[in-house]
C-alpha cells in the first residue's frame, strides 16, 4: 500500500520517517522543499505538487497548519482532488475546527473521494517511533481498510464515529496541553518567588496524583529555560483560537480557554511564537517581575 504525506513539518516529517522505517512506500510534498530532505535521504519520493502525491498514493495524509491550508492542498491548484483515482483516500492529521472538517469531508465525498479525520496526540519525538495516539472520524469501512497503517503510526487508535468527531476531541485534548503548560509555569514562578528551588516543587508534584507527562519531562526543561520546539507556541495559540471559534459555533462558553488564548497571544506578540509552547513560562516570569 502506497502512502502520501502533504505537509512535512516537524510532525509530518516524523510520521514519514516512521513509515519508511516500517517498509512503506512514501511520496511527499511540502511547499518548502528543504523540509522534505530527511525523507528524501531515507528513500521517499519527493514531488512538486499535492496532485502528484495523490496520483502516487492509496492513502494521503494532510498535515498542515489550518483548515484554509487543508482546503488549498485539497482543492486548489494542482490539488489532491486533481489527482483522483479509484483507490484514493485522504486522511487529515491537521488540527482544525470540526465544522471545517465536516465541510471538507463533504467536498471530497462530492468528488468521489473517501475522507477521514485522523488528528493525533504526541509530538515528533513520539511520532518517529509510532507511539502517537490517533483519533479517527469518518466511514468505519474506510477506517478498517487502512487500520494497519494507522496502527503503524499510533500506539493507540480510537475510532469515534462520523467526520468532525475526532477533530472535536482533538481540540478538547489541546485545551489540556495549554492549561498544563500554564499551571506548571505559574507553579514554578511562585516557587521561585518564594525562594524555593522549583525542582522541589516538581519532585513533590510528581509524587502525587496530579503528576503528568509534562510535569515529569518538559517541566525540567522549563526550569532550565530550554525551549527547542516540538510544538511551537504560535501553533498552540492558533489551536486555542480554533477551540474558541468552535465553542462559539457549538453555543458553549469556555472562559478559561479564552483567557489562555489571550495569554498565549500576548506571548506571541512578545516574540516567543517560534519556541516550544512551554516557553510560555518565559512570558509569565517576565510579567511576574514587572508586576
C-alpha atoms as a PDB file:
ATOM      1  CA  UNK A   1       0.000   0.000   0.000  1.00  0.00           C
ATOM      2  CA  UNK A   2       1.387   3.381  -1.047  1.00  0.00           C
ATOM      3  CA  UNK A   3       1.194   6.342   1.319  1.00  0.00           C
ATOM      4  CA  UNK A   4       1.466  10.069   0.694  1.00  0.00           C
ATOM      5  CA  UNK A   5       2.095  12.999   3.012  1.00  0.00           C
ATOM      6  CA  UNK A   6       1.278  16.600   2.173  1.00  0.00           C
ATOM      7  CA  UNK A   7       2.961  18.795   4.783  1.00  0.00           C
ATOM      8  CA  UNK A   8       6.336  17.666   6.120  1.00  0.00           C
ATOM      9  CA  UNK A   9       6.895  19.984   9.058  1.00  0.00           C
ATOM     10  CA  UNK A  10       8.026  18.646  12.405  1.00  0.00           C
ATOM     11  CA  UNK A  11       5.150  16.182  12.764  1.00  0.00           C
ATOM     12  CA  UNK A  12       4.760  15.245   9.104  1.00  0.00           C
ATOM     13  CA  UNK A  13       8.452  14.506   8.712  1.00  0.00           C
ATOM     14  CA  UNK A  14       8.500  12.315  11.828  1.00  0.00           C
ATOM     15  CA  UNK A  15       5.398  10.378  10.710  1.00  0.00           C
ATOM     16  CA  UNK A  16       7.004   9.852   7.308  1.00  0.00           C
ATOM     17  CA  UNK A  17      10.311   8.625   8.743  1.00  0.00           C
ATOM     18  CA  UNK A  18       8.451   6.127  10.911  1.00  0.00           C
ATOM     19  CA  UNK A  19       6.504   4.788   7.913  1.00  0.00           C
ATOM     20  CA  UNK A  20       9.680   4.472   5.849  1.00  0.00           C
ATOM     21  CA  UNK A  21      11.335   2.565   8.696  1.00  0.00           C
ATOM     22  CA  UNK A  22       8.393   0.160   8.622  1.00  0.00           C
ATOM     23  CA  UNK A  23       8.787  -0.509   4.927  1.00  0.00           C
ATOM     24  CA  UNK A  24       6.017   1.568   3.396  1.00  0.00           C
ATOM     25  CA  UNK A  25       6.394   3.355   0.063  1.00  0.00           C
ATOM     26  CA  UNK A  26       6.106   7.090   0.678  1.00  0.00           C
ATOM     27  CA  UNK A  27       5.523  10.068  -1.588  1.00  0.00           C
ATOM     28  CA  UNK A  28       5.782  13.519  -0.018  1.00  0.00           C
ATOM     29  CA  UNK A  29       5.201  17.166  -0.823  1.00  0.00           C
ATOM     30  CA  UNK A  30       5.916  20.328   1.111  1.00  0.00           C
ATOM     31  CA  UNK A  31       5.714  23.915  -0.056  1.00  0.00           C
ATOM     32  CA  UNK A  32       9.229  24.461   1.352  1.00  0.00           C
ATOM     33  CA  UNK A  33      11.248  21.714  -0.311  1.00  0.00           C
ATOM     34  CA  UNK A  34      14.046  21.817   2.279  1.00  0.00           C
ATOM     35  CA  UNK A  35      11.659  20.252   4.768  1.00  0.00           C
ATOM     36  CA  UNK A  36      11.462  17.074   2.666  1.00  0.00           C
ATOM     37  CA  UNK A  37      15.221  16.451   2.717  1.00  0.00           C
ATOM     38  CA  UNK A  38      15.264  13.920   5.570  1.00  0.00           C
ATOM     39  CA  UNK A  39      12.517  11.921   3.908  1.00  0.00           C
ATOM     40  CA  UNK A  40      14.299  12.005   0.549  1.00  0.00           C
ATOM     41  CA  UNK A  41      17.502  10.780   2.180  1.00  0.00           C
ATOM     42  CA  UNK A  42      15.592   7.783   3.550  1.00  0.00           C
ATOM     43  CA  UNK A  43      14.044   6.823   0.229  1.00  0.00           C
ATOM     44  CA  UNK A  44      10.822   8.811  -0.060  1.00  0.00           C
ATOM     45  CA  UNK A  45       9.715  10.066  -3.454  1.00  0.00           C
ATOM     46  CA  UNK A  46       9.516  13.871  -3.358  1.00  0.00           C
ATOM     47  CA  UNK A  47       7.149  15.542  -5.820  1.00  0.00           C
ATOM     48  CA  UNK A  48       6.265  19.109  -6.726  1.00  0.00           C
ATOM     49  CA  UNK A  49       2.512  19.195  -6.002  1.00  0.00           C
ATOM     50  CA  UNK A  50      -0.242  17.640  -3.871  1.00  0.00           C
ATOM     51  CA  UNK A  51      -1.727  16.315  -7.145  1.00  0.00           C
ATOM     52  CA  UNK A  52       1.361  14.191  -7.728  1.00  0.00           C
ATOM     53  CA  UNK A  53       1.188  12.877  -4.157  1.00  0.00           C
ATOM     54  CA  UNK A  54      -2.381  11.721  -4.801  1.00  0.00           C
ATOM     55  CA  UNK A  55      -1.505  10.137  -8.134  1.00  0.00           C
ATOM     56  CA  UNK A  56       1.219   8.063  -6.445  1.00  0.00           C
ATOM     57  CA  UNK A  57      -0.661   7.079  -3.276  1.00  0.00           C
ATOM     58  CA  UNK A  58      -3.563   5.000  -1.980  1.00  0.00           C
ATOM     59  CA  UNK A  59      -3.789   6.954   1.294  1.00  0.00           C
ATOM     60  CA  UNK A  60      -2.756  10.626   1.548  1.00  0.00           C
ATOM     61  CA  UNK A  61      -2.254  12.336   4.905  1.00  0.00           C
ATOM     62  CA  UNK A  62      -2.594  16.111   5.079  1.00  0.00           C
ATOM     63  CA  UNK A  63      -0.580  17.582   7.961  1.00  0.00           C
ATOM     64  CA  UNK A  64      -0.790  21.340   7.504  1.00  0.00           C
ATOM     65  CA  UNK A  65      -1.347  24.493   9.558  1.00  0.00           C
ATOM     66  CA  UNK A  66      -5.104  25.102   9.491  1.00  0.00           C
ATOM     67  CA  UNK A  67      -8.370  24.481   7.655  1.00  0.00           C
ATOM     68  CA  UNK A  68      -7.563  27.044   4.950  1.00  0.00           C
ATOM     69  CA  UNK A  69      -4.321  25.211   4.244  1.00  0.00           C
ATOM     70  CA  UNK A  70      -6.184  21.885   4.107  1.00  0.00           C
ATOM     71  CA  UNK A  71      -8.622  23.342   1.576  1.00  0.00           C
ATOM     72  CA  UNK A  72      -5.795  24.767  -0.517  1.00  0.00           C
ATOM     73  CA  UNK A  73      -3.891  21.496  -0.836  1.00  0.00           C
ATOM     74  CA  UNK A  74      -7.132  19.542  -1.187  1.00  0.00           C
ATOM     75  CA  UNK A  75      -8.984  21.637  -3.768  1.00  0.00           C
ATOM     76  CA  UNK A  76      -6.679  24.421  -5.019  1.00  0.00           C
ATOM     77  CA  UNK A  77      -4.233  24.436  -7.919  1.00  0.00           C
ATOM     78  CA  UNK A  78      -2.540  21.079  -8.625  1.00  0.00           C
ATOM     79  CA  UNK A  79      -4.505  19.710  -5.667  1.00  0.00           C
ATOM     80  CA  UNK A  80      -5.051  16.327  -4.089  1.00  0.00           C
ATOM     81  CA  UNK A  81      -8.522  16.070  -5.624  1.00  0.00           C
ATOM     82  CA  UNK A  82      -6.945  16.841  -9.015  1.00  0.00           C
ATOM     83  CA  UNK A  83      -5.050  13.537  -8.683  1.00  0.00           C
ATOM     84  CA  UNK A  84      -8.178  11.466  -8.034  1.00  0.00           C
ATOM     85  CA  UNK A  85      -8.161   7.749  -8.805  1.00  0.00           C
ATOM     86  CA  UNK A  86     -10.387   4.896  -7.692  1.00  0.00           C
ATOM     87  CA  UNK A  87      -8.212   3.774  -4.769  1.00  0.00           C
ATOM     88  CA  UNK A  88      -7.646   7.232  -3.266  1.00  0.00           C
ATOM     89  CA  UNK A  89      -8.458   8.063   0.361  1.00  0.00           C
ATOM     90  CA  UNK A  90      -7.463  11.279   2.179  1.00  0.00           C
ATOM     91  CA  UNK A  91      -6.842  11.463   5.931  1.00  0.00           C
ATOM     92  CA  UNK A  92      -6.415  14.821   7.662  1.00  0.00           C
ATOM     93  CA  UNK A  93      -3.955  14.866  10.562  1.00  0.00           C
ATOM     94  CA  UNK A  94      -4.062  18.655  10.968  1.00  0.00           C
ATOM     95  CA  UNK A  95      -5.735  20.337  13.958  1.00  0.00           C
ATOM     96  CA  UNK A  96      -8.824  22.099  12.609  1.00  0.00           C
ATOM     97  CA  UNK A  97     -12.347  23.116  13.558  1.00  0.00           C
ATOM     98  CA  UNK A  98     -14.677  20.087  13.355  1.00  0.00           C
ATOM     99  CA  UNK A  99     -17.165  22.197  11.401  1.00  0.00           C
ATOM    100  CA  UNK A 100     -14.492  22.807   8.759  1.00  0.00           C
ATOM    101  CA  UNK A 101     -13.651  19.109   8.787  1.00  0.00           C
ATOM    102  CA  UNK A 102     -17.256  18.169   8.024  1.00  0.00           C
ATOM    103  CA  UNK A 103     -17.358  20.646   5.134  1.00  0.00           C
ATOM    104  CA  UNK A 104     -14.071  19.341   3.724  1.00  0.00           C
ATOM    105  CA  UNK A 105     -15.335  15.751   4.064  1.00  0.00           C
ATOM    106  CA  UNK A 106     -18.495  16.622   2.105  1.00  0.00           C
ATOM    107  CA  UNK A 107     -16.465  18.262  -0.668  1.00  0.00           C
ATOM    108  CA  UNK A 108     -14.241  15.204  -1.009  1.00  0.00           C
ATOM    109  CA  UNK A 109     -17.283  12.919  -0.976  1.00  0.00           C
ATOM    110  CA  UNK A 110     -18.920  15.045  -3.689  1.00  0.00           C
ATOM    111  CA  UNK A 111     -15.818  14.364  -5.772  1.00  0.00           C
ATOM    112  CA  UNK A 112     -15.963  10.632  -5.078  1.00  0.00           C
ATOM    113  CA  UNK A 113     -13.006  10.568  -2.678  1.00  0.00           C
ATOM    114  CA  UNK A 114     -13.099   8.976   0.782  1.00  0.00           C
ATOM    115  CA  UNK A 115     -12.046  11.230   3.670  1.00  0.00           C
ATOM    116  CA  UNK A 116     -11.164  10.547   7.302  1.00  0.00           C
ATOM    117  CA  UNK A 117     -10.264  12.810  10.232  1.00  0.00           C
ATOM    118  CA  UNK A 118      -7.093  11.421  11.841  1.00  0.00           C
ATOM    119  CA  UNK A 119      -5.728  14.009  14.316  1.00  0.00           C
ATOM    120  CA  UNK A 120      -3.121  12.778  16.784  1.00  0.00           C
ATOM    121  CA  UNK A 121      -1.698  13.480  20.208  1.00  0.00           C
ATOM    122  CA  UNK A 122       2.067  13.417  20.696  1.00  0.00           C
ATOM    123  CA  UNK A 123       4.986  15.295  19.199  1.00  0.00           C
ATOM    124  CA  UNK A 124       7.653  14.417  16.648  1.00  0.00           C
ATOM    125  CA  UNK A 125       9.715  12.567  19.260  1.00  0.00           C
ATOM    126  CA  UNK A 126       6.773  10.187  19.733  1.00  0.00           C
ATOM    127  CA  UNK A 127       5.717  10.083  16.078  1.00  0.00           C
ATOM    128  CA  UNK A 128       9.090   8.854  14.892  1.00  0.00           C
ATOM    129  CA  UNK A 129       8.661   5.628  16.892  1.00  0.00           C
ATOM    130  CA  UNK A 130       4.981   5.106  16.031  1.00  0.00           C
ATOM    131  CA  UNK A 131       3.809   5.961  19.529  1.00  0.00           C
ATOM    132  CA  UNK A 132       1.170   8.611  18.783  1.00  0.00           C
ATOM    133  CA  UNK A 133      -2.435   8.469  19.963  1.00  0.00           C
ATOM    134  CA  UNK A 134      -4.791   8.778  16.992  1.00  0.00           C
ATOM    135  CA  UNK A 135      -8.463   9.737  16.879  1.00  0.00           C
ATOM    136  CA  UNK A 136     -10.427   8.810  13.756  1.00  0.00           C
ATOM    137  CA  UNK A 137     -13.708  10.082  12.349  1.00  0.00           C
ATOM    138  CA  UNK A 138     -15.448   9.028   9.150  1.00  0.00           C
ATOM    139  CA  UNK A 139     -16.744   5.888   7.447  1.00  0.00           C
ATOM    140  CA  UNK A 140     -15.870   2.852   9.575  1.00  0.00           C
ATOM    141  CA  UNK A 141     -15.338   0.682   6.485  1.00  0.00           C
ATOM    142  CA  UNK A 142     -12.697   3.086   5.202  1.00  0.00           C
ATOM    143  CA  UNK A 143     -11.121   3.194   8.661  1.00  0.00           C
ATOM    144  CA  UNK A 144     -10.898  -0.606   8.798  1.00  0.00           C
ATOM    145  CA  UNK A 145      -9.383  -0.729   5.309  1.00  0.00           C
ATOM    146  CA  UNK A 146      -6.413   1.336   6.472  1.00  0.00           C
ATOM    147  CA  UNK A 147      -6.260   0.194  10.088  1.00  0.00           C
ATOM    148  CA  UNK A 148      -2.854  -1.447   9.580  1.00  0.00           C
ATOM    149  CA  UNK A 149      -1.331   1.894   8.578  1.00  0.00           C
ATOM    150  CA  UNK A 150      -2.947   3.745  11.473  1.00  0.00           C
ATOM    151  CA  UNK A 151      -1.552   1.109  13.848  1.00  0.00           C
ATOM    152  CA  UNK A 152       1.906   1.686  12.357  1.00  0.00           C
ATOM    153  CA  UNK A 153       1.615   5.407  13.117  1.00  0.00           C
ATOM    154  CA  UNK A 154      -0.045   5.261  16.542  1.00  0.00           C
ATOM    155  CA  UNK A 155       0.276   3.023  19.568  1.00  0.00           C
ATOM    156  CA  UNK A 156      -3.391   3.677  20.366  1.00  0.00           C
ATOM    157  CA  UNK A 157      -6.122   4.331  17.798  1.00  0.00           C
ATOM    158  CA  UNK A 158      -9.674   5.397  18.717  1.00  0.00           C
ATOM    159  CA  UNK A 159     -12.479   5.255  16.157  1.00  0.00           C
ATOM    160  CA  UNK A 160     -15.011   7.900  17.240  1.00  0.00           C
ATOM    161  CA  UNK A 161     -17.742   7.973  14.593  1.00  0.00           C
ATOM    162  CA  UNK A 162     -18.698  10.470  11.919  1.00  0.00           C
ATOM    163  CA  UNK A 163     -16.463  13.103  10.346  1.00  0.00           C
ATOM    164  CA  UNK A 164     -15.731  16.006  12.677  1.00  0.00           C
ATOM    165  CA  UNK A 165     -15.923  13.960  15.874  1.00  0.00           C
ATOM    166  CA  UNK A 166     -12.200  13.232  16.002  1.00  0.00           C
ATOM    167  CA  UNK A 167     -11.291  16.879  15.498  1.00  0.00           C
ATOM    168  CA  UNK A 168     -13.691  17.906  18.281  1.00  0.00           C
ATOM    169  CA  UNK A 169     -11.941  15.543  20.710  1.00  0.00           C
ATOM    170  CA  UNK A 170      -8.528  16.731  19.477  1.00  0.00           C
ATOM    171  CA  UNK A 171      -9.469  20.312  20.345  1.00  0.00           C
ATOM    172  CA  UNK A 172     -10.632  19.197  23.788  1.00  0.00           C
ATOM    173  CA  UNK A 173      -7.262  17.487  24.239  1.00  0.00           C
ATOM    174  CA  UNK A 174      -5.328  20.600  23.249  1.00  0.00           C
ATOM    175  CA  UNK A 175      -7.093  22.548  25.978  1.00  0.00           C
ATOM    176  CA  UNK A 176      -5.308  20.203  28.394  1.00  0.00           C
ATOM    177  CA  UNK A 177      -1.922  20.991  26.827  1.00  0.00           C
ATOM    178  CA  UNK A 178      -2.405  24.742  27.205  1.00  0.00           C
ATOM    179  CA  UNK A 179      -3.728  24.573  30.756  1.00  0.00           C
ATOM    180  CA  UNK A 180      -0.985  22.231  31.952  1.00  0.00           C
ATOM    181  CA  UNK A 181       1.708  24.468  30.464  1.00  0.00           C
ATOM    182  CA  UNK A 182       0.186  27.477  32.221  1.00  0.00           C
ATOM    183  CA  UNK A 183      -0.323  25.786  35.586  1.00  0.00           C
ATOM    184  CA  UNK A 184       3.180  24.293  35.716  1.00  0.00           C
ATOM    185  CA  UNK A 185       4.637  27.632  34.642  1.00  0.00           C
ATOM    186  CA  UNK A 186       2.849  29.545  37.375  1.00  0.00           C
ATOM    187  CA  UNK A 187       3.795  26.903  39.942  1.00  0.00           C
ATOM    188  CA  UNK A 188       7.460  27.362  39.030  1.00  0.00           C
ATOM    189  CA  UNK A 189       7.101  31.158  39.076  1.00  0.00           C
ATOM    190  CA  UNK A 190       5.513  31.046  42.524  1.00  0.00           C
ATOM    191  CA  UNK A 191       8.170  28.670  43.890  1.00  0.00           C
ATOM    192  CA  UNK A 192      10.950  30.927  42.643  1.00  0.00           C
ATOM    193  CA  UNK A 193       9.183  33.974  44.044  1.00  0.00           C
ATOM    194  CA  UNK A 194       9.190  32.266  47.444  1.00  0.00           C
ATOM    195  CA  UNK A 195      12.926  31.458  47.067  1.00  0.00           C
ATOM    196  CA  UNK A 196      12.148  27.726  46.789  1.00  0.00           C
ATOM    197  CA  UNK A 197      14.052  25.575  44.304  1.00  0.00           C
ATOM    198  CA  UNK A 198      11.430  24.784  41.625  1.00  0.00           C
ATOM    199  CA  UNK A 199      12.830  21.256  41.335  1.00  0.00           C
ATOM    200  CA  UNK A 200      11.483  20.667  44.859  1.00  0.00           C
ATOM    201  CA  UNK A 201       8.047  21.787  43.633  1.00  0.00           C
ATOM    202  CA  UNK A 202       8.287  19.330  40.731  1.00  0.00           C
ATOM    203  CA  UNK A 203       9.571  16.491  42.922  1.00  0.00           C
ATOM    204  CA  UNK A 204       6.572  16.845  45.217  1.00  0.00           C
ATOM    205  CA  UNK A 205       4.120  17.355  42.346  1.00  0.00           C
ATOM    206  CA  UNK A 206       5.389  14.217  40.636  1.00  0.00           C
ATOM    207  CA  UNK A 207       4.910  12.161  43.796  1.00  0.00           C
ATOM    208  CA  UNK A 208       1.187  12.913  43.775  1.00  0.00           C
ATOM    209  CA  UNK A 209      -1.956  12.021  41.829  1.00  0.00           C
ATOM    210  CA  UNK A 210      -1.579  15.333  39.956  1.00  0.00           C
ATOM    211  CA  UNK A 211       1.625  14.448  38.094  1.00  0.00           C
ATOM    212  CA  UNK A 212       1.539  14.447  34.288  1.00  0.00           C
ATOM    213  CA  UNK A 213       3.853  13.570  31.436  1.00  0.00           C
ATOM    214  CA  UNK A 214       4.553  17.275  31.126  1.00  0.00           C
ATOM    215  CA  UNK A 215       5.456  17.683  34.794  1.00  0.00           C
ATOM    216  CA  UNK A 216       7.720  14.628  34.655  1.00  0.00           C
ATOM    217  CA  UNK A 217       9.539  15.615  31.465  1.00  0.00           C
ATOM    218  CA  UNK A 218       9.161  19.031  29.846  1.00  0.00           C
ATOM    219  CA  UNK A 219       8.840  20.837  33.176  1.00  0.00           C
ATOM    220  CA  UNK A 220      12.543  20.301  33.880  1.00  0.00           C
ATOM    221  CA  UNK A 221      13.418  21.933  30.564  1.00  0.00           C
ATOM    222  CA  UNK A 222      11.112  24.786  31.526  1.00  0.00           C
ATOM    223  CA  UNK A 223      13.200  25.336  34.664  1.00  0.00           C
ATOM    224  CA  UNK A 224      16.379  25.323  32.566  1.00  0.00           C
ATOM    225  CA  UNK A 225      14.914  27.711  30.002  1.00  0.00           C
ATOM    226  CA  UNK A 226      15.347  25.137  27.218  1.00  0.00           C
ATOM    227  CA  UNK A 227      12.594  25.523  24.610  1.00  0.00           C
ATOM    228  CA  UNK A 228      13.644  23.608  21.492  1.00  0.00           C
ATOM    229  CA  UNK A 229      10.272  23.300  19.752  1.00  0.00           C
ATOM    230  CA  UNK A 230       8.382  20.066  19.322  1.00  0.00           C
ATOM    231  CA  UNK A 231       5.181  22.133  19.034  1.00  0.00           C
ATOM    232  CA  UNK A 232       5.531  25.883  18.796  1.00  0.00           C
ATOM    233  CA  UNK A 233       3.852  28.464  20.974  1.00  0.00           C
ATOM    234  CA  UNK A 234       2.332  30.024  17.840  1.00  0.00           C
ATOM    235  CA  UNK A 235       0.792  26.717  16.841  1.00  0.00           C
ATOM    236  CA  UNK A 236      -0.801  26.290  20.248  1.00  0.00           C
ATOM    237  CA  UNK A 237      -2.102  29.864  20.079  1.00  0.00           C
ATOM    238  CA  UNK A 238      -3.622  29.021  16.680  1.00  0.00           C
ATOM    239  CA  UNK A 239      -5.265  25.940  18.186  1.00  0.00           C
ATOM    240  CA  UNK A 240      -6.681  27.959  21.087  1.00  0.00           C
ATOM    241  CA  UNK A 241      -8.222  30.348  18.570  1.00  0.00           C
ATOM    242  CA  UNK A 242      -9.734  27.360  16.748  1.00  0.00           C
ATOM    243  CA  UNK A 243     -11.075  25.947  20.017  1.00  0.00           C
ATOM    244  CA  UNK A 244     -12.732  29.236  20.916  1.00  0.00           C
ATOM    245  CA  UNK A 245     -14.244  29.549  17.430  1.00  0.00           C
ATOM    246  CA  UNK A 246     -15.614  26.009  17.660  1.00  0.00           C
ATOM    247  CA  UNK A 247     -17.006  26.616  21.140  1.00  0.00           C
ATOM    248  CA  UNK A 248     -18.854  29.702  19.910  1.00  0.00           C
ATOM    249  CA  UNK A 249     -20.278  27.736  16.974  1.00  0.00           C
ATOM    250  CA  UNK A 250     -21.433  24.997  19.359  1.00  0.00           C
ATOM    251  CA  UNK A 251     -23.032  27.549  21.676  1.00  0.00           C
ATOM    252  CA  UNK A 252     -20.823  26.855  24.687  1.00  0.00           C
ATOM    253  CA  UNK A 253     -18.650  29.165  26.791  1.00  0.00           C
ATOM    254  CA  UNK A 254     -15.037  28.299  27.670  1.00  0.00           C
ATOM    255  CA  UNK A 255     -13.849  31.210  29.824  1.00  0.00           C
ATOM    256  CA  UNK A 256     -10.550  29.625  30.882  1.00  0.00           C
ATOM    257  CA  UNK A 257      -9.681  28.666  27.320  1.00  0.00           C
ATOM    258  CA  UNK A 258     -10.423  32.204  26.186  1.00  0.00           C
ATOM    259  CA  UNK A 259      -8.146  33.555  28.917  1.00  0.00           C
ATOM    260  CA  UNK A 260      -5.436  31.087  27.901  1.00  0.00           C
ATOM    261  CA  UNK A 261      -5.739  32.259  24.316  1.00  0.00           C
ATOM    262  CA  UNK A 262      -5.199  35.839  25.434  1.00  0.00           C
ATOM    263  CA  UNK A 263      -2.063  34.916  27.408  1.00  0.00           C
ATOM    264  CA  UNK A 264      -0.568  32.888  24.555  1.00  0.00           C
ATOM    265  CA  UNK A 265      -1.458  35.700  22.159  1.00  0.00           C
ATOM    266  CA  UNK A 266       0.398  38.218  24.298  1.00  0.00           C
ATOM    267  CA  UNK A 267       3.413  35.887  24.439  1.00  0.00           C
ATOM    268  CA  UNK A 268       3.360  35.515  20.659  1.00  0.00           C
ATOM    269  CA  UNK A 269       3.279  39.293  20.245  1.00  0.00           C
ATOM    270  CA  UNK A 270       6.261  39.469  22.602  1.00  0.00           C
ATOM    271  CA  UNK A 271       8.273  37.469  20.063  1.00  0.00           C
ATOM    272  CA  UNK A 272       8.049  33.996  21.619  1.00  0.00           C
ATOM    273  CA  UNK A 273       5.983  32.355  18.885  1.00  0.00           C
ATOM    274  CA  UNK A 274       8.642  30.074  17.404  1.00  0.00           C
ATOM    275  CA  UNK A 275       9.892  28.499  20.633  1.00  0.00           C
ATOM    276  CA  UNK A 276       8.248  25.483  22.250  1.00  0.00           C
ATOM    277  CA  UNK A 277       4.808  26.143  23.737  1.00  0.00           C
ATOM    278  CA  UNK A 278       6.242  25.503  27.214  1.00  0.00           C
ATOM    279  CA  UNK A 279       8.206  28.704  26.681  1.00  0.00           C
ATOM    280  CA  UNK A 280       5.044  30.411  27.938  1.00  0.00           C
ATOM    281  CA  UNK A 281       6.891  30.329  31.265  1.00  0.00           C
ATOM    282  CA  UNK A 282       9.316  32.963  29.926  1.00  0.00           C
ATOM    283  CA  UNK A 283       6.450  35.334  29.286  1.00  0.00           C
ATOM    284  CA  UNK A 284       4.824  34.645  32.665  1.00  0.00           C
ATOM    285  CA  UNK A 285       8.125  35.168  34.505  1.00  0.00           C
ATOM    286  CA  UNK A 286       8.585  38.494  32.748  1.00  0.00           C
ATOM    287  CA  UNK A 287       5.064  39.543  33.702  1.00  0.00           C
ATOM    288  CA  UNK A 288       5.677  38.437  37.283  1.00  0.00           C
ATOM    289  CA  UNK A 289       8.800  40.601  37.536  1.00  0.00           C
ATOM    290  CA  UNK A 290       7.078  43.624  36.035  1.00  0.00           C
ATOM    291  CA  UNK A 291       4.155  43.318  38.438  1.00  0.00           C
END
